[in-house]
Amino acid sequence: MELLQYWRLIVQNRLIIIATTVLGIIAALIINFTTIPTYQSEAEIFVSTPASTLDISALATGGSFSQQRVKSYAQIVNSPLTLEPVIQQLQLKTTPEKLSQAIVASAPLDTVLIKLTVTDIDPQRASDIANAVADQFALTVSELELHGIGVDSPVKVSTVKRATPAGAPSAPKKSINFALGLLLGFGAGIGIASLRKLLDNTVKNEDDLDGTPLLAAIGFDNMADEKPLITQAGRYAARTESFRTLRTNLQFLNPDAHPQVITFTSALPGEGKTTSALNLALSLAQAGAKTVLIETDLRRPKIPIYLEMSAMDPGITELISGQKLLNATSLKSVLQTERKTGLKVLLSGKVPPNPSELLSSQKFDQVIALLRKHFEYVIIDCPPLLPVTDAAIVATKSDGVVLVIHAGLTKRPHFIGARDAIQSVGSKVLGVVLNKIPETSLEYEYGYRYGYPKYYGSHYKPYASKGEFNNYAPSAEEISRMDFDEKFEHIKGQKFKQELKRQERKRNQ
């Protein structure tokens, strides 16, 4: 992965990484405070062969002999021959086997030195043991060499460095343990995050869409449940701007002939297809386009709830079932109007026992044909694709389908299954709306931080002076339909434009 991808991985899994890092630090602290401190004392032994200083060849031979002897002498240090007398001398309550575990004897390469390192919980005792072992080792070597040749020992063992009590413990190494705990905890977090990414088969970004166009990325908004509509969020809110982007992208899919009848659906329930269809329709109506929204989710209609309309009012069920004469007049009689934008809405009506049969009927085709004549855009809200066939039926009667995907929740096989189901009936997938994208993903995956007044207004004033923010002038009727937040943003925008004009006049003087 590239550096930016690693950064995204860290940001998206920051809670896991923080948790594992904290656990690593806690583990290090536990080790530091529960481990009994130990101290090390060192002594050095020199092994030589007495020879005449005038005999160069004897000196060379003696040096080589000493080096050979040192290799085997290092093993004698931990033997009972050396350690039993030390135990008796110091009156230690241990055995040679246990004591040998606390002693390390090493012989540096191409030297005649033996380094003794003794570890103990008492620094003075560690020093005493090291010196006692060094002294006893000299005696042990002398005895062994005498038994071997029966004359004076050819080897002389001398202690060149006496052990002294350590001033600080050798273990635990608190700073090192802390650093290791920090690094291991962080590394474990990165590992878990990488494993999650490897095993994660959900759709998270444009790379997971298998070549299907991305029409819009809708950021997660914790106020969306309370205020799901863009007319409630405010004109310059993040979600409002996202649906303006969706509106623009759909309009420019084919500049010569934009899709007129657009079906909204999803792979599974709960992905936001109804609110996406509704907000796009509201955005189109706000832009002055003559738009109608159709509720074809005849099983679980939700639009009446969002728009505070009566679900018992006549709707598409009554038109298709023959209870009303199908013509322009009857169609107009069942259309309702959204108060703030003027959006026309065709509700589902009463829940029928046979939704699929009604939607596949010729009368439904006639309803679509009538709506095409009277509206620039016909937005259709359908049930999810995978549980029922209703959306696939409606898709054949539209100019294209928009798939709404819950980012980080919808699995790629479900997305691909829904897309293939649309294509299998001969309909066209216009693109995907990635819904409920986390703010960090929206910022790092798509290159901007959403929030229109905060970002564009504060950070990019030159762009705002030339764009929609500066040129937009709502009518008195639109202002009258605004809620408090929208009016506040409008007033703030007017003041901002006035300040831009004042600065422009000042520059031209």
Protein backbone atom coordinates (compact mmCIF):
# COMPACT_ATOMS: atom_id res chain seq x y z
CA MET A 1 0.00 0.00 0.00
CA GLU A 2 1.01 3.60 -0.57
CA LEU A 3 1.72 5.97 2.32
CA LEU A 4 -1.64 7.70 1.88
CA GLN A 5 -3.43 4.34 2.00
CA TYR A 6 -1.68 3.49 5.27
CA TRP A 7 -2.73 6.87 6.65
CA ARG A 8 -6.35 6.20 5.63
CA LEU A 9 -6.11 2.77 7.26
CA ILE A 10 -4.88 4.35 10.50
CA VAL A 11 -7.53 7.07 10.49
CA GLN A 12 -10.38 4.67 9.74
CA ASN A 13 -9.26 2.19 12.42
CA ARG A 14 -7.97 4.74 14.91
CA LEU A 15 -10.09 3.46 17.80
CA ILE A 16 -8.74 -0.09 17.42
CA ILE A 17 -5.17 1.17 17.09
CA ILE A 18 -5.55 3.45 20.11
CA ALA A 19 -7.02 0.56 22.14
CA THR A 20 -4.21 -1.89 21.27
CA THR A 21 -1.56 0.78 21.87
CA VAL A 22 -3.01 1.55 25.31
CA LEU A 23 -3.11 -2.18 26.11
CA GLY A 24 0.53 -2.48 25.05
CA ILE A 25 1.50 0.39 27.35
CA ILE A 26 -0.51 -1.08 30.23
CA ALA A 27 1.19 -4.47 29.72
CA ALA A 28 4.59 -2.76 29.80
CA LEU A 29 3.69 -0.92 33.00
CA ILE A 30 2.49 -4.14 34.63
CA ILE A 31 5.77 -5.85 33.71
CA ASN A 32 7.81 -2.91 35.02
CA PHE A 33 6.02 -2.80 38.37
CA THR A 34 5.63 -6.55 38.99
CA THR A 35 9.06 -7.75 37.89
CA ILE A 36 11.56 -8.07 40.74
CA PRO A 37 14.62 -5.91 39.95
CA THR A 38 17.83 -7.83 39.25
CA TYR A 39 21.44 -6.62 39.23
CA GLN A 40 24.45 -7.69 37.19
CA SER A 41 28.11 -7.72 38.19
CA GLU A 42 30.96 -8.48 35.81
CA ALA A 43 34.48 -9.84 36.25
CA GLU A 44 37.15 -10.54 33.65
CA ILE A 45 39.71 -13.36 33.73
CA PHE A 46 42.97 -13.41 31.77
CA VAL A 47 44.46 -16.76 30.66
CA SER A 48 48.18 -16.85 29.79
CA THR A 49 51.02 -19.29 29.22
CA PRO A 50 54.32 -18.42 30.92
CA ALA A 51 57.20 -18.18 28.43
CA SER A 52 60.50 -16.42 27.96
CA THR A 53 60.05 -12.94 26.59
CA LEU A 54 63.16 -13.46 24.42
CA ASP A 55 61.73 -16.48 22.65
CA ILE A 56 59.41 -15.10 19.95
CA SER A 57 58.28 -18.49 18.74
CA ALA A 58 57.50 -19.56 22.31
CA LEU A 59 55.42 -16.44 22.82
CA ALA A 60 53.42 -17.14 19.67
CA THR A 61 52.94 -20.77 20.59
CA GLY A 62 51.87 -19.84 24.11
CA GLY A 63 49.32 -17.30 22.85
CA SER A 64 47.76 -19.84 20.49
CA PHE A 65 47.72 -22.42 23.29
CA SER A 66 45.94 -20.00 25.62
CA GLN A 67 43.26 -19.18 23.02
CA GLN A 68 42.55 -22.88 22.55
CA ARG A 69 42.36 -23.41 26.29
CA VAL A 70 39.99 -20.45 26.79
CA LYS A 71 37.32 -22.10 24.60
CA SER A 72 37.07 -25.05 26.98
CA TYR A 73 37.73 -23.08 30.17
CA ALA A 74 34.55 -21.02 29.65
CA GLN A 75 32.55 -24.21 30.15
CA ILE A 76 34.33 -25.02 33.40
CA VAL A 77 33.07 -21.82 35.02
CA ASN A 78 29.55 -23.27 35.38
CA SER A 79 30.68 -26.73 36.46
CA PRO A 80 30.17 -28.11 39.99
CA LEU A 81 33.98 -28.18 40.40
CA THR A 82 33.92 -24.38 40.45
CA LEU A 83 30.53 -23.63 41.95
CA GLU A 84 30.38 -26.02 44.93
CA PRO A 85 33.30 -24.33 46.71
CA VAL A 86 31.74 -20.92 45.98
CA ILE A 87 28.45 -22.02 47.56
CA GLN A 88 30.27 -23.21 50.66
CA GLN A 89 32.43 -20.10 50.86
CA LEU A 90 29.53 -17.64 50.61
CA GLN A 91 27.06 -19.92 52.45
CA LEU A 92 24.55 -19.71 49.64
CA LYS A 93 21.25 -21.56 49.96
CA THR A 94 21.25 -22.99 46.45
CA THR A 95 22.63 -25.79 44.31
CA PRO A 96 25.32 -25.72 41.61
CA GLU A 97 22.65 -26.31 38.97
CA LYS A 98 20.57 -23.30 40.08
CA LEU A 99 23.59 -21.09 40.59
CA SER A 100 24.90 -21.89 37.11
CA GLN A 101 21.69 -20.38 35.66
CA ALA A 102 22.67 -17.02 37.14
CA ILE A 103 26.21 -17.11 35.69
CA VAL A 104 27.16 -16.49 32.07
CA ALA A 105 30.72 -17.14 30.96
CA SER A 106 31.74 -15.92 27.51
CA ALA A 107 35.04 -15.90 25.66
CA PRO A 108 35.37 -13.09 23.07
CA LEU A 109 36.70 -14.36 19.73
CA ASP A 110 40.51 -14.40 19.26
CA THR A 111 41.17 -13.31 22.83
CA VAL A 112 42.46 -15.00 25.99
CA LEU A 113 39.81 -13.32 28.16
CA ILE A 114 36.85 -14.90 29.91
CA LYS A 115 34.01 -12.58 30.88
CA LEU A 116 31.89 -13.55 33.90
CA THR A 117 28.43 -12.04 34.35
CA VAL A 118 26.42 -12.83 37.50
CA THR A 119 22.76 -11.84 37.91
CA ASP A 120 21.07 -11.61 41.32
CA ILE A 121 18.36 -9.66 43.11
CA ASP A 122 21.01 -8.34 45.56
CA PRO A 123 23.73 -6.20 43.92
CA GLN A 124 26.29 -6.93 46.66
CA ARG A 125 25.69 -10.66 46.46
CA ALA A 126 26.02 -10.60 42.68
CA SER A 127 29.40 -8.90 43.06
CA ASP A 128 30.56 -11.36 45.74
CA ILE A 129 29.57 -14.38 43.65
CA ALA A 130 31.36 -13.04 40.55
CA ASN A 131 34.62 -12.46 42.44
CA ALA A 132 34.37 -15.78 44.27
CA VAL A 133 33.78 -17.66 41.01
CA ALA A 134 36.75 -15.90 39.36
CA ASP A 135 39.05 -16.84 42.26
CA GLN A 136 37.81 -20.42 42.44
CA PHE A 137 38.05 -20.79 38.66
CA ALA A 138 41.79 -20.05 38.80
CA LEU A 139 42.26 -22.80 41.39
CA THR A 140 40.10 -25.26 39.43
CA VAL A 141 42.08 -24.70 36.22
CA SER A 142 45.38 -25.11 38.06
CA GLU A 143 44.27 -28.40 39.59
CA LEU A 144 42.99 -29.72 36.26
CA GLU A 145 46.20 -28.84 34.40
CA LEU A 146 48.39 -30.36 37.15
CA HIS A 147 46.42 -33.63 37.06
CA GLY A 148 46.85 -33.67 33.32
CA ILE A 149 50.66 -33.34 33.08
CA GLY A 150 51.97 -33.90 36.63
CA VAL A 151 54.23 -30.82 36.63
CA ASP A 152 53.70 -27.09 37.13
CA SER A 153 50.66 -25.81 35.31
CA PRO A 154 51.47 -24.36 31.87
CA VAL A 155 48.54 -22.00 32.23
CA LYS A 156 48.21 -18.97 34.45
CA VAL A 157 44.73 -17.59 35.27
CA SER A 158 44.47 -14.04 36.59
CA THR A 159 41.54 -11.78 37.44
CA VAL A 160 42.11 -8.54 35.56
CA LYS A 161 38.80 -6.91 36.51
CA ARG A 162 37.15 -7.38 39.88
CA ALA A 163 33.34 -7.18 40.10
CA THR A 164 31.70 -4.28 41.91
CA PRO A 165 28.07 -3.86 43.08
CA ALA A 166 25.82 -2.40 40.35
CA GLY A 167 24.31 1.00 41.03
CA ALA A 168 21.15 0.39 39.00
CA PRO A 169 19.13 -2.74 38.16
CA SER A 170 19.77 -4.46 34.85
CA ALA A 171 16.15 -5.60 34.66
CA PRO A 172 13.45 -4.64 34.17
CA LYS A 173 14.52 -2.04 31.59
CA LYS A 174 11.56 0.22 32.11
CA SER A 175 12.14 2.63 29.26
CA ILE A 176 12.78 -0.20 26.80
CA ASN A 177 9.73 -2.12 28.03
CA PHE A 178 7.60 1.00 27.66
CA ALA A 179 8.87 1.59 24.12
CA LEU A 180 8.33 -2.06 23.19
CA GLY A 181 4.82 -2.01 24.66
CA LEU A 182 4.05 1.12 22.66
CA LEU A 183 5.46 -0.28 19.41
CA LEU A 184 3.96 -3.75 19.83
CA GLY A 185 0.56 -2.30 20.74
CA PHE A 186 0.62 0.03 17.76
CA GLY A 187 1.86 -2.76 15.50
CA ALA A 188 -0.89 -5.08 16.74
CA GLY A 189 -3.46 -2.37 15.97
CA ILE A 190 -2.06 -1.95 12.45
CA GLY A 191 -2.10 -5.73 12.01
CA ILE A 192 -5.72 -6.01 13.12
CA ALA A 193 -6.68 -3.10 10.88
CA SER A 194 -4.91 -4.68 7.91
CA LEU A 195 -6.56 -8.02 8.60
CA ARG A 196 -9.97 -6.32 8.80
CA LYS A 197 -9.30 -4.61 5.50
CA LEU A 198 -8.20 -7.90 3.95
CA LEU A 199 -11.27 -9.77 5.19
CA ASP A 200 -13.68 -6.88 4.67
CA ASN A 201 -15.81 -7.43 1.55
CA THR A 202 -18.05 -4.40 1.97
CA VAL A 203 -18.31 -1.50 -0.45
CA LYS A 204 -16.43 1.43 1.06
CA ASN A 205 -15.27 3.60 -1.83
CA GLU A 206 -15.21 4.00 -5.59
CA ASP A 207 -12.56 1.27 -5.96
CA ASP A 208 -15.11 -1.31 -4.76
CA LEU A 209 -17.72 -0.45 -7.41
CA ASP A 210 -16.26 -2.73 -10.09
CA GLY A 211 -16.29 0.01 -12.73
CA THR A 212 -19.82 1.27 -11.98
CA PRO A 213 -19.89 5.11 -12.03
CA LEU A 214 -20.04 6.91 -8.70
CA LEU A 215 -22.68 9.62 -8.92
CA ALA A 216 -22.43 11.04 -5.41
CA ALA A 217 -20.86 10.44 -2.01
CA ILE A 218 -23.21 11.27 0.84
CA GLY A 219 -21.45 11.81 4.16
CA PHE A 220 -22.73 10.40 7.42
CA ASP A 221 -24.81 12.94 9.30
CA ASN A 222 -25.82 12.19 12.87
CA MET A 223 -28.76 14.56 12.40
CA ALA A 224 -30.09 12.67 9.37
CA ASP A 225 -32.42 10.49 11.42
CA GLU A 226 -33.98 13.54 13.01
CA LYS A 227 -33.88 15.73 9.89
CA PRO A 228 -33.57 13.42 6.85
CA LEU A 229 -34.63 15.95 4.18
CA ILE A 230 -32.39 18.58 2.61
CA THR A 231 -35.16 21.11 3.17
CA GLN A 232 -34.68 20.50 6.89
CA ALA A 233 -30.88 20.50 6.79
CA GLY A 234 -30.44 23.97 5.31
CA ARG A 235 -29.45 25.25 1.89
CA TYR A 236 -25.70 25.14 2.51
CA ALA A 237 -25.53 21.97 4.58
CA ALA A 238 -23.21 19.14 3.61
CA ARG A 239 -26.00 16.73 2.60
CA THR A 240 -27.71 19.44 0.57
CA GLU A 241 -24.52 20.07 -1.37
CA SER A 242 -24.05 16.32 -1.92
CA PHE A 243 -27.49 16.02 -3.54
CA ARG A 244 -26.74 19.05 -5.70
CA THR A 245 -23.75 17.06 -6.91
CA LEU A 246 -25.98 14.05 -7.60
CA ARG A 247 -28.42 16.30 -9.46
CA THR A 248 -25.65 17.77 -11.62
CA ASN A 249 -24.09 14.41 -12.41
CA LEU A 250 -27.42 12.94 -13.51
CA GLN A 251 -28.14 15.98 -15.67
CA PHE A 252 -24.80 15.67 -17.42
CA LEU A 253 -24.80 11.93 -17.98
CA ASN A 254 -26.11 12.79 -21.41
CA PRO A 255 -26.21 16.57 -21.99
CA ASP A 256 -28.32 16.15 -25.13
CA ALA A 257 -30.95 13.91 -23.51
CA HIS A 258 -30.70 13.46 -19.76
CA PRO A 259 -32.49 10.47 -18.17
CA GLN A 260 -36.06 11.52 -17.47
CA VAL A 261 -37.48 8.54 -15.56
CA ILE A 262 -35.01 7.49 -12.87
CA THR A 263 -35.51 4.52 -10.56
CA PHE A 264 -33.92 4.44 -7.10
CA THR A 265 -33.33 1.12 -5.41
CA SER A 266 -30.82 -0.75 -3.25
CA ALA A 267 -29.59 -4.28 -2.73
CA LEU A 268 -31.12 -4.65 0.74
CA PRO A 269 -33.35 -2.64 3.10
CA GLY A 270 -31.95 0.17 5.23
CA GLU A 271 -29.41 1.57 2.77
CA GLY A 272 -31.12 4.93 2.27
CA LYS A 273 -32.72 4.57 -1.17
CA THR A 274 -35.99 6.29 -0.16
CA THR A 275 -34.34 9.37 1.38
CA SER A 276 -31.92 9.54 -1.56
CA ALA A 277 -34.75 9.49 -4.11
CA LEU A 278 -36.74 12.01 -2.07
CA ASN A 279 -33.81 14.40 -1.60
CA LEU A 280 -32.84 14.27 -5.27
CA ALA A 281 -36.44 15.09 -6.20
CA LEU A 282 -36.43 17.99 -3.73
CA SER A 283 -33.11 19.24 -5.12
CA LEU A 284 -34.45 19.12 -8.69
CA ALA A 285 -37.57 20.99 -7.60
CA GLN A 286 -35.43 23.60 -5.82
CA ALA A 287 -33.52 24.14 -9.07
CA GLY A 288 -36.78 24.89 -10.87
CA ALA A 289 -37.17 21.57 -12.68
CA LYS A 290 -40.71 20.24 -12.95
CA THR A 291 -40.37 17.04 -10.95
CA VAL A 292 -42.63 14.28 -9.65
CA LEU A 293 -41.74 11.62 -7.10
CA ILE A 294 -43.48 8.22 -7.27
CA GLU A 295 -43.70 5.84 -4.33
CA THR A 296 -43.65 2.32 -5.85
CA ASP A 297 -42.60 0.60 -2.66
CA LEU A 298 -46.11 -0.78 -2.25
CA ARG A 299 -45.06 -3.10 0.57
CA ARG A 300 -43.47 -0.65 3.04
CA PRO A 301 -44.17 2.92 1.88
CA LYS A 302 -42.10 5.52 3.76
CA ILE A 303 -42.52 8.74 1.79
CA PRO A 304 -45.78 9.74 3.57
CA ILE A 305 -43.87 9.60 6.86
CA TYR A 306 -41.03 11.83 5.63
CA LEU A 307 -43.34 14.37 3.97
CA GLU A 308 -46.00 14.20 6.69
CA MET A 309 -48.70 13.15 4.24
CA SER A 310 -51.56 10.73 4.78
CA ALA A 311 -50.76 7.19 3.66
CA MET A 312 -54.50 6.58 3.23
CA ASP A 313 -54.87 9.15 0.46
CA PRO A 314 -55.40 7.75 -3.03
CA GLY A 315 -52.24 6.96 -4.93
CA ILE A 316 -50.75 4.76 -7.58
CA THR A 317 -52.57 1.66 -6.32
CA GLU A 318 -55.95 3.28 -7.01
CA LEU A 319 -54.84 4.45 -10.47
CA ILE A 320 -53.54 1.05 -11.54
CA SER A 321 -56.30 -1.05 -9.98
CA GLY A 322 -58.99 0.73 -11.98
CA GLN A 323 -60.73 2.46 -9.08
CA LYS A 324 -60.00 5.75 -10.86
CA LEU A 325 -60.22 6.51 -14.57
CA LEU A 326 -56.68 6.74 -15.91
CA ASN A 327 -56.21 10.11 -17.61
CA ALA A 328 -54.51 13.47 -16.99
CA THR A 329 -57.36 14.63 -14.79
CA SER A 330 -57.37 11.58 -12.54
CA LEU A 331 -53.61 11.69 -12.34
CA LYS A 332 -53.68 15.32 -11.26
CA SER A 333 -56.28 14.52 -8.60
CA VAL A 334 -53.99 12.05 -6.78
CA LEU A 335 -50.82 14.15 -6.99
CA GLN A 336 -49.84 15.96 -3.80
CA THR A 337 -47.54 18.97 -3.44
CA GLU A 338 -44.56 19.35 -1.09
CA ARG A 339 -44.96 22.74 0.55
CA LYS A 340 -41.42 24.15 0.50
CA THR A 341 -40.31 23.24 -3.02
CA GLY A 342 -43.48 22.58 -4.97
CA LEU A 343 -42.42 18.99 -5.66
CA LYS A 344 -45.28 16.81 -6.91
CA VAL A 345 -45.67 13.46 -5.16
CA LEU A 346 -47.58 10.35 -6.21
CA LEU A 347 -47.98 8.23 -3.10
CA SER A 348 -48.42 4.48 -3.12
CA GLY A 349 -51.99 4.52 -1.85
CA LYS A 350 -53.42 1.52 -0.02
CA VAL A 351 -51.11 -1.48 0.32
CA PRO A 352 -52.26 -4.05 -2.29
CA PRO A 353 -52.08 -7.85 -1.95
CA ASN A 354 -50.28 -8.18 -5.33
CA PRO A 355 -47.64 -5.40 -5.72
CA SER A 356 -45.59 -7.18 -8.42
CA GLU A 357 -48.65 -7.79 -10.63
CA LEU A 358 -49.77 -4.16 -10.35
CA LEU A 359 -46.33 -2.80 -11.27
CA SER A 360 -46.00 -5.12 -14.27
CA SER A 361 -49.42 -4.12 -15.64
CA GLN A 362 -50.06 -2.02 -18.75
CA LYS A 363 -51.82 0.58 -16.63
CA PHE A 364 -48.60 1.29 -14.77
CA ASP A 365 -46.95 1.79 -18.16
CA GLN A 366 -49.68 4.29 -18.97
CA VAL A 367 -49.05 6.14 -15.68
CA ILE A 368 -45.36 6.46 -16.54
CA ALA A 369 -46.23 7.66 -20.05
CA LEU A 370 -48.58 10.34 -18.67
CA LEU A 371 -45.94 11.55 -16.22
CA ARG A 372 -43.34 11.76 -18.99
CA LYS A 373 -45.59 14.21 -20.85
CA HIS A 374 -46.11 16.56 -17.92
CA PHE A 375 -42.77 16.47 -16.00
CA GLU A 376 -39.09 16.99 -16.76
CA TYR A 377 -38.07 14.40 -14.19
CA VAL A 378 -39.87 11.35 -12.83
CA ILE A 379 -38.13 9.94 -9.76
CA ILE A 380 -39.29 6.48 -8.66
CA ASP A 381 -38.67 5.01 -5.23
CA CYS A 382 -38.62 1.20 -5.40
CA PRO A 383 -38.26 -1.66 -2.90
CA PRO A 384 -34.81 -3.29 -2.53
CA LEU A 385 -33.78 -5.58 -5.36
CA LEU A 386 -32.67 -8.76 -3.67
CA PRO A 387 -35.67 -9.53 -1.42
CA VAL A 388 -38.43 -8.88 -4.05
CA THR A 389 -38.77 -8.48 -7.82
CA ASP A 390 -40.67 -5.16 -7.79
CA ALA A 391 -37.62 -3.00 -8.49
CA ALA A 392 -36.52 -5.15 -11.44
CA ILE A 393 -39.99 -4.75 -12.95
CA VAL A 394 -40.02 -0.98 -12.52
CA ALA A 395 -36.45 -0.74 -13.84
CA THR A 396 -37.60 -1.94 -17.26
CA LYS A 397 -39.96 1.04 -17.50
CA SER A 398 -37.39 3.71 -16.62
CA ASP A 399 -34.44 5.32 -18.39
CA GLY A 400 -32.00 4.00 -15.84
CA VAL A 401 -31.44 2.93 -12.25
CA VAL A 402 -29.51 4.52 -9.43
CA LEU A 403 -28.22 2.03 -6.85
CA VAL A 404 -27.94 3.33 -3.30
CA ILE A 405 -25.21 1.62 -1.29
CA HIS A 406 -24.61 1.94 2.45
CA ALA A 407 -20.84 2.51 2.59
CA GLY A 408 -19.05 0.02 4.83
CA LEU A 409 -22.18 -2.10 5.31
CA THR A 410 -23.32 -3.37 1.91
CA LYS A 411 -21.28 -6.39 0.88
CA ARG A 412 -19.73 -6.44 -2.59
CA PRO A 413 -21.51 -9.70 -3.58
CA HIS A 414 -24.85 -8.08 -2.71
CA PHE A 415 -23.99 -4.97 -4.71
CA ILE A 416 -22.86 -7.02 -7.71
CA GLY A 417 -25.97 -9.22 -7.42
CA ALA A 418 -28.23 -6.15 -7.44
CA ARG A 419 -26.38 -4.58 -10.37
CA ASP A 420 -26.50 -7.80 -12.38
CA ALA A 421 -30.21 -8.18 -11.62
CA ILE A 422 -30.85 -4.76 -13.18
CA GLN A 423 -28.75 -5.51 -16.23
CA SER A 424 -30.34 -8.95 -16.66
CA VAL A 425 -33.76 -7.35 -17.35
CA GLY A 426 -32.26 -5.06 -19.96
CA SER A 427 -32.21 -1.91 -17.85
CA LYS A 428 -29.27 0.46 -17.43
CA VAL A 429 -27.41 1.19 -14.22
CA LEU A 430 -26.81 4.94 -14.27
CA GLY A 431 -24.48 4.79 -11.29
CA VAL A 432 -24.13 4.43 -7.55
CA VAL A 433 -24.83 6.71 -4.61
CA LEU A 434 -22.50 5.85 -1.73
CA ASN A 435 -24.50 6.70 1.37
CA LYS A 436 -23.48 7.34 4.98
CA ILE A 437 -19.75 7.62 4.31
CA PRO A 438 -17.78 8.40 7.50
CA GLU A 439 -16.38 11.94 7.61
CA THR A 440 -12.78 10.68 7.66
CA SER A 441 -13.36 8.55 4.57
CA LEU A 442 -15.09 11.43 2.80
CA GLU A 443 -12.17 13.69 3.55
CA TYR A 444 -9.36 11.29 2.67
CA GLU A 445 -10.98 9.16 -0.03
CA TYR A 446 -12.62 11.95 -1.97
CA GLY A 447 -10.30 14.81 -1.23
CA TYR A 448 -12.52 17.32 0.53
CA ARG A 449 -14.05 18.07 3.87
CA TYR A 450 -17.75 18.51 3.50
CA GLY A 451 -19.59 21.37 5.09
CA TYR A 452 -20.44 24.12 2.63
CA PRO A 453 -20.38 27.32 4.70
CA LYS A 454 -17.41 26.21 6.79
CA TYR A 455 -15.21 25.04 3.97
CA TYR A 456 -16.13 26.96 0.87
CA GLY A 457 -17.16 30.10 2.70
CA SER A 458 -14.16 30.36 5.04
CA HIS A 459 -11.33 28.72 3.14
CA TYR A 460 -12.14 29.33 -0.50
CA LYS A 461 -13.70 32.81 -0.70
CA PRO A 462 -12.38 33.43 -4.24
CA TYR A 463 -14.28 30.38 -5.45
CA ALA A 464 -17.41 31.37 -3.58
CA SER A 465 -17.31 34.81 -5.20
CA LYS A 466 -17.63 33.28 -8.63
CA GLY A 467 -19.89 30.36 -7.93
CA GLU A 468 -23.39 29.46 -6.90
CA PHE A 469 -22.95 30.96 -3.45
CA ASN A 470 -22.39 34.44 -4.88
CA ASN A 471 -24.84 34.29 -7.75
CA TYR A 472 -27.80 32.64 -6.04
CA ALA A 473 -30.65 35.01 -5.21
CA PRO A 474 -33.78 33.30 -3.79
CA SER A 475 -37.16 34.78 -4.53
CA ALA A 476 -39.41 36.24 -1.86
CA GLU A 477 -41.61 33.14 -2.10
CA GLU A 478 -38.63 30.84 -1.52
CA ILE A 479 -37.52 32.91 1.45
CA SER A 480 -41.01 32.66 2.94
CA ARG A 481 -40.80 28.85 2.76
CA MET A 482 -37.40 28.72 4.50
CA ASP A 483 -37.06 27.53 8.07
CA PHE A 484 -35.05 29.50 10.65
CA ASP A 485 -31.71 27.86 9.81
CA GLU A 486 -32.15 28.43 6.08
CA LYS A 487 -33.05 32.10 6.62
CA PHE A 488 -29.99 32.50 8.84
CA GLU A 489 -27.72 31.00 6.18
CA HIS A 490 -29.37 33.22 3.54
CA ILE A 491 -28.76 36.38 5.56
CA LYS A 492 -25.17 35.32 6.24
CA GLY A 493 -24.65 34.70 2.53
CA GLN A 494 -26.04 38.12 1.62
CA LYS A 495 -23.67 39.81 4.05
CA PHE A 496 -20.79 37.82 2.61
CA LYS A 497 -21.65 38.92 -0.93
CA GLN A 498 -21.89 42.53 0.19
CA GLU A 499 -18.42 42.30 1.71
CA LEU A 500 -17.04 40.87 -1.55
CA LYS A 501 -18.56 43.72 -3.54
CA ARG A 502 -17.12 46.27 -1.09
CA GLN A 503 -13.62 44.78 -1.48
CA GLU A 504 -13.99 44.74 -5.26
CA ARG A 505 -14.94 48.45 -5.28
CA LYS A 506 -11.96 49.23 -3.05
CA ARG A 507 -9.58 47.47 -5.44
CA ASN A 508 -10.98 49.34 -8.45
CA GLN A 509 -10.59 52.78 -6.84
